Structure formats: structure tokens, C-alpha cells
Amino acid sequence: MRGDRVEVLVDTGAGVRAFEVAATKDGRRVEITSGRGVVEVAEVTRTGQAVRTARFMSSRVVAIVEHPAVDGARRPAAQPGDQPGA
């Protein structure tokens, strides 16, 4: 979904650096795969074709943080003490 993004924190030897891959257009999503010592983060289309890909050595990855898109249509749940119709 547009707005989805994944932040990957990588140990560079001189500190930790953050890399980000985001779904930039409607209908795209961000997928994470790992295997054989490699973590891959890719922005893919609806058909599954990769648009952008970032690959990292899994031994250097400190953290992977997923940030889902905020749905503007969703309203927060009513809180105790809220006035109805306000």
C-alpha cells in the first residue's frame, strides 16, 4: 500500500546507519525476504515485479522496522468522556 515503508538498521563498522525502502505509488507494497545470509527489501508492484531492491548481509543487520501506511479513512476509537456528536 502506498505509504508503507521499511527501515533497516545496519552496522557499518563505524556506527549504525539507517536505510529506508518505501512504497511510492498506489498499489505497490514492500516485501522482506531473507535467506543464505542476505536480507532483501523490495518495493514490488501488484503483479509482483520488483521496482527497487535493497540487499544487506544478515550478519550486519541490527534491526528491521516496518512502518505501515496510515489509513486516513480510519477514525480513532471513542475515548471515555468524549461528547457524542462532537
C-alpha atoms as a PDB file:
ATOM      1  CA  MET A   1       0.000   0.000   0.000  1.00  0.00           C
ATOM      2  CA  ARG A   2       1.277   3.459  -0.797  1.00  0.00           C
ATOM      3  CA  GLY A   3       2.980   4.883   2.279  1.00  0.00           C
ATOM      4  CA  ASP A   4       4.227   1.552   3.620  1.00  0.00           C
ATOM      5  CA  ARG A   5       7.903   1.733   4.434  1.00  0.00           C
ATOM      6  CA  VAL A   6      10.590  -0.447   5.935  1.00  0.00           C
ATOM      7  CA  GLU A   7      13.585   0.896   7.801  1.00  0.00           C
ATOM      8  CA  VAL A   8      16.693  -1.314   8.002  1.00  0.00           C
ATOM      9  CA  LEU A   9      19.380  -0.520  10.573  1.00  0.00           C
ATOM     10  CA  VAL A  10      22.802  -1.806   9.505  1.00  0.00           C
ATOM     11  CA  ASP A  11      26.106  -1.969  11.406  1.00  0.00           C
ATOM     12  CA  THR A  12      28.636  -0.269   9.111  1.00  0.00           C
ATOM     13  CA  GLY A  13      31.638  -0.761  11.373  1.00  0.00           C
ATOM     14  CA  ALA A  14      31.745   2.949  12.190  1.00  0.00           C
ATOM     15  CA  GLY A  15      28.259   3.005  13.700  1.00  0.00           C
ATOM     16  CA  VAL A  16      24.726   2.134  12.736  1.00  0.00           C
ATOM     17  CA  ARG A  17      23.215   3.520   9.532  1.00  0.00           C
ATOM     18  CA  ALA A  18      19.521   3.553   8.592  1.00  0.00           C
ATOM     19  CA  PHE A  19      18.258   2.652   5.111  1.00  0.00           C
ATOM     20  CA  GLU A  20      14.637   3.037   4.036  1.00  0.00           C
ATOM     21  CA  VAL A  21      12.547   1.448   1.274  1.00  0.00           C
ATOM     22  CA  ALA A  22       9.037   2.817   0.746  1.00  0.00           C
ATOM     23  CA  ALA A  23       6.038   2.050  -1.462  1.00  0.00           C
ATOM     24  CA  THR A  24       5.946   5.217  -3.568  1.00  0.00           C
ATOM     25  CA  LYS A  25       2.819   4.691  -5.695  1.00  0.00           C
ATOM     26  CA  ASP A  26      -0.678   3.303  -5.231  1.00  0.00           C
ATOM     27  CA  GLY A  27      -0.833  -0.480  -5.454  1.00  0.00           C
ATOM     28  CA  ARG A  28       2.791  -1.052  -4.514  1.00  0.00           C
ATOM     29  CA  ARG A  29       3.967  -2.784  -1.374  1.00  0.00           C
ATOM     30  CA  VAL A  30       7.219  -3.533   0.424  1.00  0.00           C
ATOM     31  CA  GLU A  31       8.314  -7.156   0.882  1.00  0.00           C
ATOM     32  CA  ILE A  32      11.092  -8.543   3.085  1.00  0.00           C
ATOM     33  CA  THR A  33      12.844 -11.841   2.388  1.00  0.00           C
ATOM     34  CA  SER A  34      15.852 -13.450   3.999  1.00  0.00           C
ATOM     35  CA  GLY A  35      17.961 -16.452   3.193  1.00  0.00           C
ATOM     36  CA  ARG A  36      21.543 -17.594   2.637  1.00  0.00           C
ATOM     37  CA  GLY A  37      22.982 -14.765   4.693  1.00  0.00           C
ATOM     38  CA  VAL A  38      21.163 -11.993   2.809  1.00  0.00           C
ATOM     39  CA  VAL A  39      18.196  -9.819   3.782  1.00  0.00           C
ATOM     40  CA  GLU A  40      16.351  -8.329   0.804  1.00  0.00           C
ATOM     41  CA  VAL A  41      13.831  -5.497   0.999  1.00  0.00           C
ATOM     42  CA  ALA A  42      11.956  -4.773  -2.225  1.00  0.00           C
ATOM     43  CA  GLU A  43       9.243  -2.423  -3.437  1.00  0.00           C
ATOM     44  CA  VAL A  44       7.003  -4.526  -5.679  1.00  0.00           C
ATOM     45  CA  THR A  45       4.047  -3.833  -7.973  1.00  0.00           C
ATOM     46  CA  ARG A  46       0.656  -5.537  -7.828  1.00  0.00           C
ATOM     47  CA  THR A  47       1.930  -8.199 -10.229  1.00  0.00           C
ATOM     48  CA  GLY A  48       4.951  -8.939  -8.034  1.00  0.00           C
ATOM     49  CA  GLN A  49       7.598  -7.300 -10.225  1.00  0.00           C
ATOM     50  CA  ALA A  50      10.369  -5.650  -8.160  1.00  0.00           C
ATOM     51  CA  VAL A  51      10.785  -1.929  -8.776  1.00  0.00           C
ATOM     52  CA  ARG A  52      13.545  -1.222  -6.246  1.00  0.00           C
ATOM     53  CA  THR A  53      15.569  -3.684  -4.209  1.00  0.00           C
ATOM     54  CA  ALA A  54      17.976  -3.285  -1.297  1.00  0.00           C
ATOM     55  CA  ARG A  55      20.167  -6.193  -0.151  1.00  0.00           C
ATOM     56  CA  PHE A  56      22.078  -6.434   3.118  1.00  0.00           C
ATOM     57  CA  MET A  57      24.315  -9.055   4.716  1.00  0.00           C
ATOM     58  CA  SER A  58      22.187 -10.543   7.501  1.00  0.00           C
ATOM     59  CA  SER A  59      25.170 -10.595   9.878  1.00  0.00           C
ATOM     60  CA  ARG A  60      25.286  -6.766   9.633  1.00  0.00           C
ATOM     61  CA  VAL A  61      21.538  -6.110  10.071  1.00  0.00           C
ATOM     62  CA  VAL A  62      20.806  -4.762  13.538  1.00  0.00           C
ATOM     63  CA  ALA A  63      17.037  -4.244  13.158  1.00  0.00           C
ATOM     64  CA  ILE A  64      14.225  -4.175  10.623  1.00  0.00           C
ATOM     65  CA  VAL A  65      11.385  -1.789  11.433  1.00  0.00           C
ATOM     66  CA  GLU A  66       8.147  -1.920   9.440  1.00  0.00           C
ATOM     67  CA  HIS A  67       6.047   1.248   9.291  1.00  0.00           C
ATOM     68  CA  PRO A  68       2.576   0.535   7.847  1.00  0.00           C
ATOM     69  CA  ALA A  69       0.760   3.295   5.986  1.00  0.00           C
ATOM     70  CA  VAL A  70      -1.679   5.349   7.991  1.00  0.00           C
ATOM     71  CA  ASP A  71      -5.219   4.910   6.708  1.00  0.00           C
ATOM     72  CA  GLY A  72      -6.779   8.380   6.573  1.00  0.00           C
ATOM     73  CA  ALA A  73     -10.304   6.934   6.445  1.00  0.00           C
ATOM     74  CA  ARG A  74      -9.980   5.259   9.845  1.00  0.00           C
ATOM     75  CA  ARG A  75     -11.103   7.309  12.794  1.00  0.00           C
ATOM     76  CA  PRO A  76      -9.724   6.769  16.285  1.00  0.00           C
ATOM     77  CA  ALA A  77     -11.953   4.885  18.704  1.00  0.00           C
ATOM     78  CA  ALA A  78     -14.071   6.950  21.074  1.00  0.00           C
ATOM     79  CA  GLN A  79     -12.403   7.694  24.380  1.00  0.00           C
ATOM     80  CA  PRO A  80     -14.179   7.684  27.733  1.00  0.00           C
ATOM     81  CA  GLY A  81     -15.569  11.144  28.416  1.00  0.00           C
ATOM     82  CA  ASP A  82     -15.915  12.121  24.743  1.00  0.00           C
ATOM     83  CA  GLN A  83     -19.084  14.004  23.864  1.00  0.00           C
ATOM     84  CA  PRO A  84     -21.316  12.225  21.332  1.00  0.00           C
ATOM     85  CA  GLY A  85     -21.704  14.184  18.108  1.00  0.00           C
ATOM     86  CA  ALA A  86     -18.768  16.460  18.911  1.00  0.00           C
END
